[in-house]
């Protein structure tokens, strides 16, 4: 019995690692995304049965694919050690909820939309990018905090100087923050600047210095953080897969360690031989 299960597990592992199986799952995920998009159009009622059957078929395929991946693990708990596997399990499980009669129909429909994110769990490159984004968010938080401080200072200055010129843009601190966000995105910022320059000719310095901090300094800081984390994640993935320069370095480290252990054992054997003499 155990031997038969080992053979079946090896088959599941081979199927899970098969590129054709992977492309098939990707195609089904894309089909599921197209189905969600098609339902947003006004279609004849005759299509409802077709989409219901298609949704059932997609859900069953996802369930079968999930069970294959779970069966390919040596132990079931190993499957749930990875966050993306837990995400897939939740999405597929919720997809089994009937969307017609259940009180959670709206939630089930919304979660069906997130089935598109299963592409991230299937494609390793997307998974590396998503992990890099999640790891970069805490570090970007400090940049956002500093950015908010600069925004607040400039908003207070703008409110004090320009509130009488245009109360709709600079009437209070909240409006000033919204106006500065508009300026940071370059949405009609020159019109706002020329309006205040009619009263304060040197107010251009206020806008140019703010744009320098907001659009150049802080934006480049965020881009730098994302690139640094993404490079680190790519190196980590290459080490795990044994690919690229990072994989070569990892291979050299592992084999260097084994060679050092062998040399140490040979040295001990030589010492014992000399002691016996």
C-alpha atoms as a PDB file:
ATOM      1  CA  UNK A   1       0.000   0.000   0.000  1.00  0.00           C
ATOM      2  CA  UNK A   2       2.775   2.405   0.965  1.00  0.00           C
ATOM      3  CA  UNK A   3       4.719   1.478  -2.156  1.00  0.00           C
ATOM      4  CA  UNK A   4       1.695   2.197  -4.344  1.00  0.00           C
ATOM      5  CA  UNK A   5       1.205   5.590  -2.719  1.00  0.00           C
ATOM      6  CA  UNK A   6       4.887   6.449  -3.279  1.00  0.00           C
ATOM      7  CA  UNK A   7       4.512   5.609  -6.952  1.00  0.00           C
ATOM      8  CA  UNK A   8       1.382   7.735  -7.227  1.00  0.00           C
ATOM      9  CA  UNK A   9       3.095  10.620  -5.467  1.00  0.00           C
ATOM     10  CA  UNK A  10       5.994  10.416  -7.916  1.00  0.00           C
ATOM     11  CA  UNK A  11       3.498  10.638 -10.752  1.00  0.00           C
ATOM     12  CA  UNK A  12       1.873  13.664  -9.155  1.00  0.00           C
ATOM     13  CA  UNK A  13       5.289  15.298  -8.732  1.00  0.00           C
ATOM     14  CA  UNK A  14       6.099  14.655 -12.399  1.00  0.00           C
ATOM     15  CA  UNK A  15       2.705  16.055 -13.438  1.00  0.00           C
ATOM     16  CA  UNK A  16       3.111  19.132 -11.261  1.00  0.00           C
ATOM     17  CA  UNK A  17       6.547  19.818 -12.778  1.00  0.00           C
ATOM     18  CA  UNK A  18       5.357  19.241 -16.338  1.00  0.00           C
ATOM     19  CA  UNK A  19       5.509  22.434 -18.427  1.00  0.00           C
ATOM     20  CA  UNK A  20       2.456  21.432 -20.473  1.00  0.00           C
ATOM     21  CA  UNK A  21       0.428  21.037 -17.264  1.00  0.00           C
ATOM     22  CA  UNK A  22       1.644  24.439 -16.091  1.00  0.00           C
ATOM     23  CA  UNK A  23       0.666  26.108 -19.374  1.00  0.00           C
ATOM     24  CA  UNK A  24      -2.727  24.401 -19.217  1.00  0.00           C
ATOM     25  CA  UNK A  25      -3.375  25.831 -15.739  1.00  0.00           C
ATOM     26  CA  UNK A  26      -2.271  29.289 -16.919  1.00  0.00           C
ATOM     27  CA  UNK A  27      -4.684  29.042 -19.856  1.00  0.00           C
ATOM     28  CA  UNK A  28      -7.538  28.121 -17.498  1.00  0.00           C
ATOM     29  CA  UNK A  29      -6.726  31.085 -15.237  1.00  0.00           C
ATOM     30  CA  UNK A  30      -6.790  33.421 -18.247  1.00  0.00           C
ATOM     31  CA  UNK A  31     -10.086  31.849 -19.334  1.00  0.00           C
ATOM     32  CA  UNK A  32     -11.477  32.487 -15.852  1.00  0.00           C
ATOM     33  CA  UNK A  33     -10.384  36.141 -16.077  1.00  0.00           C
ATOM     34  CA  UNK A  34     -12.072  36.506 -19.474  1.00  0.00           C
ATOM     35  CA  UNK A  35     -15.222  34.987 -18.031  1.00  0.00           C
ATOM     36  CA  UNK A  36     -15.298  37.575 -15.237  1.00  0.00           C
ATOM     37  CA  UNK A  37     -14.808  40.364 -17.782  1.00  0.00           C
ATOM     38  CA  UNK A  38     -17.483  39.032 -20.121  1.00  0.00           C
ATOM     39  CA  UNK A  39     -20.055  39.021 -17.317  1.00  0.00           C
ATOM     40  CA  UNK A  40     -19.701  42.801 -16.960  1.00  0.00           C
ATOM     41  CA  UNK A  41     -21.372  43.298 -20.352  1.00  0.00           C
ATOM     42  CA  UNK A  42     -25.099  43.219 -21.059  1.00  0.00           C
ATOM     43  CA  UNK A  43     -25.459  39.783 -22.590  1.00  0.00           C
ATOM     44  CA  UNK A  44     -28.626  37.867 -23.527  1.00  0.00           C
ATOM     45  CA  UNK A  45     -30.066  35.615 -20.786  1.00  0.00           C
ATOM     46  CA  UNK A  46     -29.227  32.582 -22.922  1.00  0.00           C
ATOM     47  CA  UNK A  47     -25.563  33.092 -22.038  1.00  0.00           C
ATOM     48  CA  UNK A  48     -26.221  32.634 -18.311  1.00  0.00           C
ATOM     49  CA  UNK A  49     -26.350  28.854 -18.600  1.00  0.00           C
ATOM     50  CA  UNK A  50     -23.155  28.808 -20.635  1.00  0.00           C
ATOM     51  CA  UNK A  51     -21.280  30.952 -18.111  1.00  0.00           C
ATOM     52  CA  UNK A  52     -22.621  28.866 -15.228  1.00  0.00           C
ATOM     53  CA  UNK A  53     -21.330  25.683 -16.846  1.00  0.00           C
ATOM     54  CA  UNK A  54     -18.017  27.351 -17.680  1.00  0.00           C
ATOM     55  CA  UNK A  55     -17.612  28.575 -14.103  1.00  0.00           C
ATOM     56  CA  UNK A  56     -18.307  25.079 -12.773  1.00  0.00           C
ATOM     57  CA  UNK A  57     -15.777  23.562 -15.181  1.00  0.00           C
ATOM     58  CA  UNK A  58     -13.101  26.107 -14.247  1.00  0.00           C
ATOM     59  CA  UNK A  59     -13.736  25.540 -10.541  1.00  0.00           C
ATOM     60  CA  UNK A  60     -13.434  21.758 -10.915  1.00  0.00           C
ATOM     61  CA  UNK A  61     -10.189  22.119 -12.869  1.00  0.00           C
ATOM     62  CA  UNK A  62      -8.787  24.405 -10.183  1.00  0.00           C
ATOM     63  CA  UNK A  63      -9.829  21.914  -7.513  1.00  0.00           C
ATOM     64  CA  UNK A  64      -8.184  19.015  -9.365  1.00  0.00           C
ATOM     65  CA  UNK A  65      -4.986  21.046  -9.876  1.00  0.00           C
ATOM     66  CA  UNK A  66      -4.899  21.978  -6.186  1.00  0.00           C
ATOM     67  CA  UNK A  67      -5.390  18.347  -5.108  1.00  0.00           C
ATOM     68  CA  UNK A  68      -2.578  17.236  -7.444  1.00  0.00           C
ATOM     69  CA  UNK A  69      -0.200  19.783  -5.934  1.00  0.00           C
ATOM     70  CA  UNK A  70      -1.190  18.743  -2.414  1.00  0.00           C
ATOM     71  CA  UNK A  71      -0.767  15.050  -3.222  1.00  0.00           C
ATOM     72  CA  UNK A  72       2.683  15.740  -4.701  1.00  0.00           C
ATOM     73  CA  UNK A  73       3.970  16.895  -1.309  1.00  0.00           C
ATOM     74  CA  UNK A  74       5.686  14.363   0.912  1.00  0.00           C
ATOM     75  CA  UNK A  75       3.663  15.639   3.865  1.00  0.00           C
ATOM     76  CA  UNK A  76       0.478  17.664   3.659  1.00  0.00           C
ATOM     77  CA  UNK A  77       1.723  20.272   6.112  1.00  0.00           C
ATOM     78  CA  UNK A  78       4.607  21.053   3.765  1.00  0.00           C
ATOM     79  CA  UNK A  79       2.052  22.392   1.278  1.00  0.00           C
ATOM     80  CA  UNK A  80       0.787  24.982   3.757  1.00  0.00           C
ATOM     81  CA  UNK A  81       4.254  26.275   4.618  1.00  0.00           C
ATOM     82  CA  UNK A  82       4.192  28.530   1.560  1.00  0.00           C
ATOM     83  CA  UNK A  83       1.985  31.583   1.624  1.00  0.00           C
ATOM     84  CA  UNK A  84       1.028  31.336  -2.041  1.00  0.00           C
ATOM     85  CA  UNK A  85      -0.202  27.776  -1.518  1.00  0.00           C
ATOM     86  CA  UNK A  86      -2.443  29.000   1.288  1.00  0.00           C
ATOM     87  CA  UNK A  87      -3.709  31.756  -1.013  1.00  0.00           C
ATOM     88  CA  UNK A  88      -4.531  29.205  -3.717  1.00  0.00           C
ATOM     89  CA  UNK A  89      -6.259  26.964  -1.183  1.00  0.00           C
ATOM     90  CA  UNK A  90      -8.468  29.815   0.059  1.00  0.00           C
ATOM     91  CA  UNK A  91      -9.373  31.019  -3.439  1.00  0.00           C
ATOM     92  CA  UNK A  92     -10.243  27.534  -4.701  1.00  0.00           C
ATOM     93  CA  UNK A  93     -12.149  26.650  -1.536  1.00  0.00           C
ATOM     94  CA  UNK A  94     -14.232  29.825  -1.647  1.00  0.00           C
ATOM     95  CA  UNK A  95     -14.932  29.179  -5.341  1.00  0.00           C
ATOM     96  CA  UNK A  96     -16.834  26.081  -4.243  1.00  0.00           C
ATOM     97  CA  UNK A  97     -19.421  28.264  -2.492  1.00  0.00           C
ATOM     98  CA  UNK A  98     -22.660  28.422  -4.554  1.00  0.00           C
ATOM     99  CA  UNK A  99     -23.147  31.952  -5.843  1.00  0.00           C
ATOM    100  CA  UNK A 100     -26.905  31.762  -6.481  1.00  0.00           C
ATOM    101  CA  UNK A 101     -28.518  30.747  -3.219  1.00  0.00           C
ATOM    102  CA  UNK A 102     -25.925  31.516  -0.570  1.00  0.00           C
ATOM    103  CA  UNK A 103     -26.005  34.713   1.503  1.00  0.00           C
ATOM    104  CA  UNK A 104     -22.279  35.028   0.807  1.00  0.00           C
ATOM    105  CA  UNK A 105     -22.906  35.189  -2.946  1.00  0.00           C
ATOM    106  CA  UNK A 106     -21.442  38.684  -3.294  1.00  0.00           C
ATOM    107  CA  UNK A 107     -18.293  37.711  -1.375  1.00  0.00           C
ATOM    108  CA  UNK A 108     -17.923  34.573  -3.467  1.00  0.00           C
ATOM    109  CA  UNK A 109     -18.229  36.577  -6.688  1.00  0.00           C
ATOM    110  CA  UNK A 110     -15.637  39.086  -5.502  1.00  0.00           C
ATOM    111  CA  UNK A 111     -13.195  36.354  -4.531  1.00  0.00           C
ATOM    112  CA  UNK A 112     -13.673  34.730  -7.915  1.00  0.00           C
ATOM    113  CA  UNK A 113     -12.159  37.892  -9.379  1.00  0.00           C
ATOM    114  CA  UNK A 114      -8.989  37.227  -7.388  1.00  0.00           C
ATOM    115  CA  UNK A 115      -8.539  33.921  -9.188  1.00  0.00           C
ATOM    116  CA  UNK A 116      -6.541  35.950 -11.706  1.00  0.00           C
ATOM    117  CA  UNK A 117      -3.893  36.379  -9.007  1.00  0.00           C
ATOM    118  CA  UNK A 118      -3.282  32.633  -9.191  1.00  0.00           C
ATOM    119  CA  UNK A 119      -1.038  33.490 -12.136  1.00  0.00           C
ATOM    120  CA  UNK A 120       1.364  34.915  -9.569  1.00  0.00           C
ATOM    121  CA  UNK A 121       1.426  31.610  -7.683  1.00  0.00           C
ATOM    122  CA  UNK A 122       1.909  29.603 -10.880  1.00  0.00           C
ATOM    123  CA  UNK A 123       4.570  31.704 -12.640  1.00  0.00           C
ATOM    124  CA  UNK A 124       7.813  31.908 -10.562  1.00  0.00           C
ATOM    125  CA  UNK A 125       8.936  35.222 -12.086  1.00  0.00           C
ATOM    126  CA  UNK A 126       5.694  36.919 -11.094  1.00  0.00           C
ATOM    127  CA  UNK A 127       5.964  35.373  -7.643  1.00  0.00           C
ATOM    128  CA  UNK A 128       9.456  36.852  -7.199  1.00  0.00           C
ATOM    129  CA  UNK A 129       8.211  40.295  -8.246  1.00  0.00           C
ATOM    130  CA  UNK A 130       5.215  40.128  -5.906  1.00  0.00           C
ATOM    131  CA  UNK A 131       7.389  39.015  -2.985  1.00  0.00           C
ATOM    132  CA  UNK A 132       9.763  41.901  -3.711  1.00  0.00           C
ATOM    133  CA  UNK A 133       6.841  44.352  -3.709  1.00  0.00           C
ATOM    134  CA  UNK A 134       5.526  43.037  -0.378  1.00  0.00           C
ATOM    135  CA  UNK A 135       8.988  43.223   1.189  1.00  0.00           C
ATOM    136  CA  UNK A 136       9.528  46.760  -0.133  1.00  0.00           C
ATOM    137  CA  UNK A 137       6.312  48.149   1.360  1.00  0.00           C
ATOM    138  CA  UNK A 138       7.606  48.402   4.983  1.00  0.00           C
ATOM    139  CA  UNK A 139      10.757  50.202   3.824  1.00  0.00           C
ATOM    140  CA  UNK A 140       8.717  52.491   1.608  1.00  0.00           C
ATOM    141  CA  UNK A 141       6.657  53.405   4.661  1.00  0.00           C
ATOM    142  CA  UNK A 142       9.498  55.528   6.075  1.00  0.00           C
ATOM    143  CA  UNK A 143       9.820  57.348   2.747  1.00  0.00           C
ATOM    144  CA  UNK A 144       6.060  57.970   2.752  1.00  0.00           C
ATOM    145  CA  UNK A 145       6.273  59.308   6.306  1.00  0.00           C
ATOM    146  CA  UNK A 146       9.025  61.750   5.338  1.00  0.00           C
ATOM    147  CA  UNK A 147       7.065  62.638   2.216  1.00  0.00           C
ATOM    148  CA  UNK A 148       3.965  63.375   4.301  1.00  0.00           C
ATOM    149  CA  UNK A 149       6.007  65.695   6.544  1.00  0.00           C
ATOM    150  CA  UNK A 150       7.218  67.667   3.509  1.00  0.00           C
ATOM    151  CA  UNK A 151       3.678  67.731   2.102  1.00  0.00           C
ATOM    152  CA  UNK A 152       2.320  69.011   5.413  1.00  0.00           C
ATOM    153  CA  UNK A 153       4.922  71.782   5.682  1.00  0.00           C
ATOM    154  CA  UNK A 154       4.290  72.972   2.134  1.00  0.00           C
ATOM    155  CA  UNK A 155       0.513  72.689   2.638  1.00  0.00           C
ATOM    156  CA  UNK A 156       0.690  74.900   5.719  1.00  0.00           C
ATOM    157  CA  UNK A 157       2.809  77.457   3.850  1.00  0.00           C
ATOM    158  CA  UNK A 158       0.466  77.398   0.859  1.00  0.00           C
ATOM    159  CA  UNK A 159      -2.575  77.787   3.078  1.00  0.00           C
ATOM    160  CA  UNK A 160      -1.007  80.809   4.809  1.00  0.00           C
ATOM    161  CA  UNK A 161       0.077  82.532   1.587  1.00  0.00           C
ATOM    162  CA  UNK A 162      -2.453  81.588  -1.072  1.00  0.00           C
ATOM    163  CA  UNK A 163      -5.761  81.066   0.788  1.00  0.00           C
ATOM    164  CA  UNK A 164      -6.933  84.598  -0.089  1.00  0.00           C
ATOM    165  CA  UNK A 165      -6.058  84.068  -3.774  1.00  0.00           C
ATOM    166  CA  UNK A 166      -8.007  80.823  -4.291  1.00  0.00           C
ATOM    167  CA  UNK A 167      -9.892  79.428  -1.268  1.00  0.00           C
ATOM    168  CA  UNK A 168     -11.007  76.417  -3.297  1.00  0.00           C
ATOM    169  CA  UNK A 169      -7.393  75.241  -3.603  1.00  0.00           C
ATOM    170  CA  UNK A 170      -5.714  76.642  -0.484  1.00  0.00           C
ATOM    171  CA  UNK A 171      -8.609  77.348   1.894  1.00  0.00           C
ATOM    172  CA  UNK A 172      -7.510  74.858   4.577  1.00  0.00           C
ATOM    173  CA  UNK A 173      -4.847  72.253   5.215  1.00  0.00           C
ATOM    174  CA  UNK A 174      -6.875  69.445   3.621  1.00  0.00           C
ATOM    175  CA  UNK A 175      -7.487  71.363   0.404  1.00  0.00           C
ATOM    176  CA  UNK A 176      -3.843  72.384   0.336  1.00  0.00           C
ATOM    177  CA  UNK A 177      -2.741  68.741   0.617  1.00  0.00           C
ATOM    178  CA  UNK A 178      -5.027  67.787  -2.279  1.00  0.00           C
ATOM    179  CA  UNK A 179      -3.689  70.676  -4.352  1.00  0.00           C
ATOM    180  CA  UNK A 180      -0.104  69.633  -3.640  1.00  0.00           C
ATOM    181  CA  UNK A 181      -0.932  66.068  -4.668  1.00  0.00           C
ATOM    182  CA  UNK A 182      -2.307  67.485  -7.923  1.00  0.00           C
ATOM    183  CA  UNK A 183       0.909  69.440  -8.399  1.00  0.00           C
ATOM    184  CA  UNK A 184       3.035  66.350  -7.639  1.00  0.00           C
ATOM    185  CA  UNK A 185       1.227  64.450 -10.409  1.00  0.00           C
ATOM    186  CA  UNK A 186       1.750  67.410 -12.806  1.00  0.00           C
ATOM    187  CA  UNK A 187      -2.016  67.757 -13.299  1.00  0.00           C
ATOM    188  CA  UNK A 188      -2.484  71.409 -14.351  1.00  0.00           C
ATOM    189  CA  UNK A 189       0.165  72.580 -11.899  1.00  0.00           C
ATOM    190  CA  UNK A 190       1.302  75.458 -14.133  1.00  0.00           C
ATOM    191  CA  UNK A 191      -2.175  77.039 -13.991  1.00  0.00           C
ATOM    192  CA  UNK A 192      -2.079  76.981 -10.197  1.00  0.00           C
ATOM    193  CA  UNK A 193       1.406  78.500 -10.221  1.00  0.00           C
ATOM    194  CA  UNK A 194       0.573  81.333 -12.623  1.00  0.00           C
ATOM    195  CA  UNK A 195      -2.517  82.173 -10.585  1.00  0.00           C
ATOM    196  CA  UNK A 196      -0.447  82.805  -7.445  1.00  0.00           C
ATOM    197  CA  UNK A 197       2.382  84.455  -9.390  1.00  0.00           C
ATOM    198  CA  UNK A 198      -0.042  87.214 -10.373  1.00  0.00           C
ATOM    199  CA  UNK A 199      -0.010  88.256  -6.693  1.00  0.00           C
ATOM    200  CA  UNK A 200       3.360  86.863  -5.525  1.00  0.00           C
ATOM    201  CA  UNK A 201       5.808  86.942  -8.476  1.00  0.00           C
ATOM    202  CA  UNK A 202       8.372  84.784  -6.695  1.00  0.00           C
ATOM    203  CA  UNK A 203       5.899  82.075  -5.716  1.00  0.00           C
ATOM    204  CA  UNK A 204       7.372  79.934  -8.518  1.00  0.00           C
ATOM    205  CA  UNK A 205      10.124  78.969  -6.063  1.00  0.00           C
ATOM    206  CA  UNK A 206       7.470  77.375  -3.821  1.00  0.00           C
ATOM    207  CA  UNK A 207       6.265  75.110  -6.629  1.00  0.00           C
ATOM    208  CA  UNK A 208       9.644  74.237  -8.111  1.00  0.00           C
ATOM    209  CA  UNK A 209      11.188  73.250  -4.791  1.00  0.00           C
ATOM    210  CA  UNK A 210       8.132  71.179  -3.909  1.00  0.00           C
ATOM    211  CA  UNK A 211       8.199  69.402  -7.283  1.00  0.00           C
ATOM    212  CA  UNK A 212      11.920  68.747  -6.819  1.00  0.00           C
ATOM    213  CA  UNK A 213      11.294  66.979  -3.500  1.00  0.00           C
ATOM    214  CA  UNK A 214       8.055  65.208  -4.384  1.00  0.00           C
ATOM    215  CA  UNK A 215       8.556  64.180  -8.015  1.00  0.00           C
ATOM    216  CA  UNK A 216      12.296  63.602  -8.132  1.00  0.00           C
ATOM    217  CA  UNK A 217      13.759  62.872  -4.715  1.00  0.00           C
ATOM    218  CA  UNK A 218      11.024  60.785  -3.081  1.00  0.00           C
ATOM    219  CA  UNK A 219       9.970  59.021  -6.274  1.00  0.00           C
ATOM    220  CA  UNK A 220      13.552  57.967  -7.003  1.00  0.00           C
ATOM    221  CA  UNK A 221      13.977  56.826  -3.413  1.00  0.00           C
ATOM    222  CA  UNK A 222      10.957  54.520  -3.790  1.00  0.00           C
ATOM    223  CA  UNK A 223      12.180  53.206  -7.127  1.00  0.00           C
ATOM    224  CA  UNK A 224      15.590  52.523  -5.589  1.00  0.00           C
ATOM    225  CA  UNK A 225      14.045  50.578  -2.701  1.00  0.00           C
ATOM    226  CA  UNK A 226      11.948  48.441  -5.064  1.00  0.00           C
ATOM    227  CA  UNK A 227      14.919  47.717  -7.335  1.00  0.00           C
ATOM    228  CA  UNK A 228      17.150  46.781  -4.393  1.00  0.00           C
ATOM    229  CA  UNK A 229      14.588  44.400  -2.903  1.00  0.00           C
ATOM    230  CA  UNK A 230      13.786  42.922  -6.324  1.00  0.00           C
ATOM    231  CA  UNK A 231      17.465  42.230  -6.989  1.00  0.00           C
ATOM    232  CA  UNK A 232      17.762  40.556  -3.591  1.00  0.00           C
ATOM    233  CA  UNK A 233      14.704  38.379  -4.296  1.00  0.00           C
ATOM    234  CA  UNK A 234      16.041  37.383  -7.716  1.00  0.00           C
ATOM    235  CA  UNK A 235      19.341  36.354  -6.153  1.00  0.00           C
ATOM    236  CA  UNK A 236      17.493  34.348  -3.511  1.00  0.00           C
ATOM    237  CA  UNK A 237      15.406  32.603  -6.190  1.00  0.00           C
ATOM    238  CA  UNK A 238      18.526  31.851  -8.267  1.00  0.00           C
ATOM    239  CA  UNK A 239      20.248  30.368  -5.214  1.00  0.00           C
ATOM    240  CA  UNK A 240      17.269  28.114  -4.563  1.00  0.00           C
ATOM    241  CA  UNK A 241      17.032  27.035  -8.208  1.00  0.00           C
ATOM    242  CA  UNK A 242      20.783  26.854  -8.769  1.00  0.00           C
ATOM    243  CA  UNK A 243      20.612  29.266 -11.703  1.00  0.00           C
ATOM    244  CA  UNK A 244      22.561  32.394 -12.619  1.00  0.00           C
ATOM    245  CA  UNK A 245      25.577  33.845 -10.872  1.00  0.00           C
ATOM    246  CA  UNK A 246      23.961  33.536  -7.439  1.00  0.00           C
ATOM    247  CA  UNK A 247      23.287  29.839  -8.079  1.00  0.00           C
ATOM    248  CA  UNK A 248      26.900  29.285  -9.130  1.00  0.00           C
ATOM    249  CA  UNK A 249      28.158  31.006  -5.981  1.00  0.00           C
ATOM    250  CA  UNK A 250      25.825  28.892  -3.838  1.00  0.00           C
ATOM    251  CA  UNK A 251      27.045  25.716  -5.600  1.00  0.00           C
ATOM    252  CA  UNK A 252      30.678  26.703  -4.988  1.00  0.00           C
ATOM    253  CA  UNK A 253      29.977  27.386  -1.296  1.00  0.00           C
ATOM    254  CA  UNK A 254      28.275  24.049  -0.788  1.00  0.00           C
ATOM    255  CA  UNK A 255      30.993  22.064  -2.551  1.00  0.00           C
ATOM    256  CA  UNK A 256      33.749  24.062  -0.877  1.00  0.00           C
ATOM    257  CA  UNK A 257      32.254  23.138   2.489  1.00  0.00           C
ATOM    258  CA  UNK A 258      32.177  19.433   1.594  1.00  0.00           C
ATOM    259  CA  UNK A 259      35.780  19.600   0.358  1.00  0.00           C
ATOM    260  CA  UNK A 260      36.864  21.251   3.599  1.00  0.00           C
ATOM    261  CA  UNK A 261      35.151  18.495   5.588  1.00  0.00           C
ATOM    262  CA  UNK A 262      36.936  15.822   3.561  1.00  0.00           C
ATOM    263  CA  UNK A 263      40.286  17.555   4.037  1.00  0.00           C
ATOM    264  CA  UNK A 264      39.642  17.789   7.761  1.00  0.00           C
ATOM    265  CA  UNK A 265      38.875  14.048   7.939  1.00  0.00           C
ATOM    266  CA  UNK A 266      42.011  13.256   5.896  1.00  0.00           C
ATOM    267  CA  UNK A 267      44.069  15.423   8.223  1.00  0.00           C
ATOM    268  CA  UNK A 268      42.695  13.587  11.247  1.00  0.00           C
ATOM    269  CA  UNK A 269      43.457  10.215   9.638  1.00  0.00           C
ATOM    270  CA  UNK A 270      47.038  11.301   8.893  1.00  0.00           C
ATOM    271  CA  UNK A 271      47.485  12.435  12.485  1.00  0.00           C
ATOM    272  CA  UNK A 272      46.281   9.061  13.767  1.00  0.00           C
ATOM    273  CA  UNK A 273      48.672   7.228  11.432  1.00  0.00           C
ATOM    274  CA  UNK A 274      51.574   9.364  12.650  1.00  0.00           C
ATOM    275  CA  UNK A 275      50.615   8.733  16.271  1.00  0.00           C
ATOM    276  CA  UNK A 276      50.591   4.986  15.687  1.00  0.00           C
ATOM    277  CA  UNK A 277      54.100   5.155  14.191  1.00  0.00           C
END
